[in-house]
Amino acid sequence: MSLQSVATTWPAIVENHDSAGPILLVCEHASNAFPAPWGQLGLTEAQQQAHVAWDPGALALSRALASRLDAVLIHAPASRLLYDLNRGPDRADAMAPRSEVHDIPGNIALSVAQRLERTEAFYLPFHSRLHAEIARRLALGRQTVLVTVHSFTPVYHGQIRAVEFGVIHDADGRLARAIVAAAQQITPLVTALNQPYSAADGVTHTLRLHATPYGLVNAMLELRNDLIATPAQVEGMADQLAPVLLRALSLLSEG
């Protein structure tokens, strides 16, 4: 496949563009779509539905939070196996040949040209659109708090994860610590800082790329996906987490 054969790009999808709240929600692993010309990368239907292809429940939770917080939401249009938008183009796992216990046939032995092709189709338009939204808000003098929303599997490589709600930070941990404190105060969720991942695992690319240069307060949310597996669970979790985020912002403003 030549670079010239790909005429379409998949930029970020933006919802609630005119929302007035300070929080800008981002869901990089929102979709398990596999658009042409790449197809399903040799995956089975079960693998396409599994957590290796996306973050189940994360988009639904993001939408529920956006509604409650009057927040803009920006999310991904395609599976993270085509390009993981929370990884830089220098990372091998941006187009992972293996994820957990699953081989990804369509990602094995990609050429430099093929990696560039996917970077131009997915990574560049997504992050350009996200940056444009942030720049627009800053030009308007609007407070902007960047919060990314993810989900994680209850069992990983055979290990059961007891944490239910993880909050991750990169260089600036203020908001993450405030969210953990608020969640522990007003929810029953088993909440932990920098679990089940941390910046040391390379999972804070979006925060580092977009929030750090402008000094924006930011955090990454990780919900265990068995807690947001149904519409009712999603709504219930959003009812818990929206007040947590608002209280965390209040704690930061108090000093």
Protein backbone atom coordinates (compact mmCIF):
# COMPACT_ATOMS: atom_id res chain seq x y z
CA MET A 1 0.00 0.00 0.00
CA SER A 2 1.53 3.34 -1.01
CA LEU A 3 1.31 6.51 1.02
CA GLN A 4 -0.63 8.08 -1.81
CA SER A 5 -3.31 5.39 -1.55
CA VAL A 6 -4.66 6.85 1.70
CA ALA A 7 -6.69 9.93 0.86
CA THR A 8 -8.72 10.04 4.08
CA THR A 9 -7.61 10.97 7.57
CA TRP A 10 -9.43 10.35 10.85
CA PRO A 11 -9.23 13.44 13.06
CA ALA A 12 -10.61 13.79 16.55
CA ILE A 13 -14.38 13.75 16.99
CA VAL A 14 -15.56 16.78 18.98
CA GLU A 15 -18.78 16.86 21.00
CA ASN A 16 -20.31 19.70 23.05
CA HIS A 17 -18.02 22.17 21.32
CA ASP A 18 -19.65 25.25 22.84
CA SER A 19 -19.78 23.94 26.41
CA ALA A 20 -18.84 26.50 29.02
CA GLY A 21 -17.25 24.34 31.71
CA PRO A 22 -13.51 24.44 32.38
CA ILE A 23 -12.86 20.72 31.86
CA LEU A 24 -11.83 19.42 28.45
CA LEU A 25 -12.37 15.65 28.32
CA VAL A 26 -10.31 13.47 25.99
CA CYS A 27 -10.93 9.78 25.24
CA GLU A 28 -8.07 8.45 23.13
CA HIS A 29 -9.21 4.80 23.19
CA ALA A 30 -12.90 5.41 22.56
CA SER A 31 -13.42 3.27 19.47
CA ASN A 32 -12.90 -0.27 18.23
CA ALA A 33 -13.60 0.66 14.60
CA PHE A 34 -11.23 -0.63 11.93
CA PRO A 35 -11.75 1.58 8.87
CA ALA A 36 -10.52 0.84 5.36
CA PRO A 37 -7.98 0.42 3.93
CA TRP A 38 -6.51 -1.36 6.97
CA GLY A 39 -9.38 -3.64 7.86
CA GLN A 40 -9.30 -5.78 10.99
CA LEU A 41 -5.51 -6.37 11.12
CA GLY A 42 -6.13 -10.13 11.07
CA LEU A 43 -8.04 -10.07 14.37
CA THR A 44 -11.01 -12.23 15.25
CA GLU A 45 -14.37 -10.68 16.07
CA ALA A 46 -13.78 -11.46 19.75
CA GLN A 47 -10.42 -9.70 19.69
CA GLN A 48 -11.98 -6.65 18.03
CA GLN A 49 -14.43 -6.43 20.94
CA ALA A 50 -11.83 -7.07 23.64
CA HIS A 51 -10.01 -4.46 25.70
CA VAL A 52 -6.90 -4.80 23.55
CA ALA A 53 -8.73 -2.98 20.74
CA TRP A 54 -10.19 -0.13 22.83
CA ASP A 55 -11.21 0.93 26.33
CA PRO A 56 -14.70 -0.54 26.82
CA GLY A 57 -17.08 1.87 28.52
CA ALA A 58 -14.69 4.82 28.37
CA LEU A 59 -16.55 6.77 25.68
CA ALA A 60 -19.93 6.24 27.33
CA LEU A 61 -18.51 7.41 30.64
CA SER A 62 -16.86 10.41 28.95
CA ARG A 63 -20.16 11.42 27.40
CA ALA A 64 -21.99 11.07 30.72
CA LEU A 65 -19.36 13.18 32.46
CA ALA A 66 -19.41 15.78 29.69
CA SER A 67 -23.16 16.16 30.16
CA ARG A 68 -22.87 16.62 33.92
CA LEU A 69 -19.85 18.93 33.79
CA ASP A 70 -20.83 21.00 30.74
CA ALA A 71 -17.55 19.89 29.20
CA VAL A 72 -16.18 19.63 25.69
CA LEU A 73 -15.38 16.03 24.73
CA ILE A 74 -12.80 14.99 22.14
CA HIS A 75 -12.50 11.33 21.25
CA ALA A 76 -10.83 8.94 18.84
CA PRO A 77 -12.47 7.58 15.67
CA ALA A 78 -10.67 4.23 15.38
CA SER A 79 -9.11 1.38 17.31
CA ARG A 80 -5.93 2.00 19.25
CA LEU A 81 -4.46 -1.04 17.48
CA LEU A 82 -4.33 0.97 14.27
CA TYR A 83 -2.63 3.77 16.19
CA ASP A 84 -2.58 4.29 19.94
CA LEU A 85 -3.21 8.02 20.20
CA ASN A 86 -1.76 8.11 23.71
CA ARG A 87 1.66 7.10 22.36
CA GLY A 88 4.15 9.18 20.42
CA PRO A 89 5.28 8.18 16.92
CA ASP A 90 8.67 7.20 18.32
CA ARG A 91 7.11 4.41 20.37
CA ALA A 92 6.97 0.83 19.06
CA ASP A 93 3.68 0.29 20.91
CA ALA A 94 2.00 3.12 19.01
CA MET A 95 1.21 0.32 16.53
CA ALA A 96 1.73 -2.67 18.79
CA PRO A 97 2.55 -6.05 17.17
CA ARG A 98 1.38 -7.72 20.40
CA SER A 99 -1.00 -6.54 23.10
CA GLU A 100 -1.19 -8.50 26.36
CA VAL A 101 -1.58 -12.12 25.14
CA HIS A 102 -2.77 -11.21 21.64
CA ASP A 103 -0.64 -11.09 18.51
CA ILE A 104 -1.75 -8.36 16.10
CA PRO A 105 -0.95 -9.81 12.65
CA GLY A 106 -1.51 -6.56 10.75
CA ASN A 107 1.02 -4.75 12.94
CA ILE A 108 3.87 -7.23 12.66
CA ALA A 109 7.01 -6.06 10.84
CA LEU A 110 5.56 -2.73 9.70
CA SER A 111 7.85 -0.79 7.40
CA VAL A 112 8.87 2.80 8.04
CA ALA A 113 6.54 3.88 5.23
CA GLN A 114 3.61 2.00 6.78
CA ARG A 115 4.23 3.57 10.20
CA LEU A 116 4.36 7.02 8.62
CA GLU A 117 1.15 6.29 6.74
CA ARG A 118 -0.72 5.50 9.97
CA THR A 119 0.85 8.43 11.80
CA GLU A 120 -0.41 10.79 9.11
CA ALA A 121 -3.84 9.17 9.00
CA PHE A 122 -4.54 9.00 12.74
CA TYR A 123 -2.02 10.63 15.06
CA LEU A 124 -1.39 13.93 13.33
CA PRO A 125 -5.03 14.88 12.62
CA PHE A 126 -6.19 13.84 16.10
CA HIS A 127 -3.59 15.78 18.01
CA SER A 128 -3.76 18.75 15.67
CA ARG A 129 -7.50 18.99 16.34
CA LEU A 130 -7.02 18.66 20.08
CA HIS A 131 -4.31 21.31 20.08
CA ALA A 132 -6.53 23.63 18.05
CA GLU A 133 -9.31 23.31 20.62
CA ILE A 134 -6.94 24.10 23.47
CA ALA A 135 -5.42 27.05 21.62
CA ARG A 136 -8.88 28.41 20.84
CA ARG A 137 -9.90 28.23 24.50
CA LEU A 138 -6.71 29.91 25.63
CA ALA A 139 -7.15 32.70 23.08
CA LEU A 140 -10.63 33.28 24.51
CA GLY A 141 -9.18 33.45 28.01
CA ARG A 142 -11.09 30.39 29.17
CA GLN A 143 -9.89 28.21 32.01
CA THR A 144 -8.90 24.82 30.62
CA VAL A 145 -8.41 21.65 32.64
CA LEU A 146 -7.36 18.61 30.60
CA VAL A 147 -8.76 15.26 31.78
CA THR A 148 -8.29 12.05 29.81
CA VAL A 149 -10.64 9.10 30.38
CA HIS A 150 -9.66 5.43 30.11
CA SER A 151 -10.76 2.01 31.32
CA PHE A 152 -8.74 -1.04 32.32
CA THR A 153 -9.38 -4.75 32.54
CA PRO A 154 -9.97 -6.38 35.97
CA VAL A 155 -7.45 -9.14 35.19
CA TYR A 156 -4.17 -8.46 33.41
CA HIS A 157 -1.70 -11.24 32.57
CA GLY A 158 -3.53 -13.41 35.07
CA GLN A 159 -3.26 -10.90 37.91
CA ILE A 160 -6.44 -9.61 39.56
CA ARG A 161 -6.54 -5.85 40.01
CA ALA A 162 -8.19 -4.73 43.24
CA VAL A 163 -8.12 -1.01 42.40
CA GLU A 164 -11.35 0.29 40.89
CA PHE A 165 -10.45 3.89 40.12
CA GLY A 166 -6.93 4.99 39.27
CA VAL A 167 -5.76 8.56 38.78
CA ILE A 168 -2.50 9.14 36.96
CA HIS A 169 -0.34 12.21 36.57
CA ASP A 170 2.72 13.25 34.64
CA ALA A 171 4.90 16.17 35.79
CA ASP A 172 2.07 18.03 37.53
CA GLY A 173 0.36 15.87 40.14
CA ARG A 174 -1.83 18.51 41.77
CA LEU A 175 -5.14 17.60 40.17
CA ALA A 176 -4.53 13.85 40.36
CA ARG A 177 -3.88 14.04 44.09
CA ALA A 178 -6.94 16.22 44.60
CA ILE A 179 -9.12 13.77 42.65
CA VAL A 180 -7.87 10.84 44.73
CA ALA A 181 -8.57 12.75 47.95
CA ALA A 182 -12.06 13.71 46.80
CA ALA A 183 -12.89 10.18 45.62
CA GLN A 184 -11.77 8.71 48.92
CA GLN A 185 -13.91 11.25 50.79
CA ILE A 186 -17.18 10.98 48.90
CA THR A 187 -17.25 7.63 47.06
CA PRO A 188 -16.83 3.97 48.07
CA LEU A 189 -14.47 3.35 45.14
CA VAL A 190 -11.14 1.69 45.81
CA THR A 191 -9.04 4.59 44.55
CA ALA A 192 -5.28 4.85 44.06
CA LEU A 193 -2.77 7.31 42.69
CA ASN A 194 -0.76 6.16 39.66
CA GLN A 195 -2.52 2.80 39.42
CA PRO A 196 -2.83 0.53 37.51
CA TYR A 197 -0.29 2.48 35.43
CA SER A 198 1.95 5.49 35.92
CA ALA A 199 3.92 7.93 33.81
CA ALA A 200 6.83 5.48 34.03
CA ASP A 201 4.79 3.15 31.80
CA GLY A 202 4.62 5.79 29.08
CA VAL A 203 0.86 6.33 29.36
CA THR A 204 0.78 10.11 29.81
CA HIS A 205 1.68 11.17 26.28
CA THR A 206 -1.47 13.26 25.71
CA LEU A 207 -1.02 15.10 29.00
CA ARG A 208 2.64 15.73 28.29
CA LEU A 209 2.00 16.88 24.74
CA HIS A 210 -0.93 19.22 25.35
CA ALA A 211 -1.18 20.19 29.02
CA THR A 212 2.42 20.52 30.19
CA PRO A 213 3.58 23.10 27.60
CA TYR A 214 0.75 25.47 28.59
CA GLY A 215 0.88 24.71 32.31
CA LEU A 216 -2.67 23.35 32.25
CA VAL A 217 -3.93 21.46 35.27
CA ASN A 218 -4.44 17.86 34.13
CA ALA A 219 -5.02 14.23 35.09
CA MET A 220 -5.71 10.83 33.57
CA LEU A 221 -8.64 8.78 34.85
CA GLU A 222 -8.68 4.96 34.74
CA LEU A 223 -11.90 3.07 35.59
CA ARG A 224 -12.03 -0.70 35.90
CA ASN A 225 -14.15 -1.71 32.95
CA ASP A 226 -16.39 -4.18 34.78
CA LEU A 227 -17.76 -1.16 36.68
CA ILE A 228 -18.89 0.60 33.49
CA ALA A 229 -20.09 -2.39 31.46
CA THR A 230 -23.77 -1.39 31.20
CA PRO A 231 -25.57 1.92 30.59
CA ALA A 232 -26.86 1.88 34.17
CA GLN A 233 -23.35 1.38 35.54
CA VAL A 234 -22.05 4.20 33.37
CA GLU A 235 -24.69 6.61 34.62
CA GLY A 236 -24.07 5.59 38.22
CA MET A 237 -20.32 6.04 37.86
CA ALA A 238 -20.77 9.44 36.26
CA ASP A 239 -23.01 10.44 39.16
CA GLN A 240 -20.14 9.56 41.49
CA LEU A 241 -17.26 11.01 39.51
CA ALA A 242 -18.69 14.35 38.37
CA PRO A 243 -18.87 15.63 41.98
CA VAL A 244 -15.38 14.20 42.58
CA LEU A 245 -13.94 16.25 39.73
CA LEU A 246 -15.74 19.40 40.86
CA ARG A 247 -14.57 18.95 44.44
CA ALA A 248 -11.00 18.37 43.24
CA LEU A 249 -11.07 21.63 41.29
CA SER A 250 -12.44 23.36 44.36
CA LEU A 251 -9.64 21.93 46.50
CA LEU A 252 -7.07 23.26 44.06
CA SER A 253 -8.63 26.73 44.01
CA GLU A 254 -8.52 26.83 47.81
CA GLY A 255 -4.80 26.46 47.70
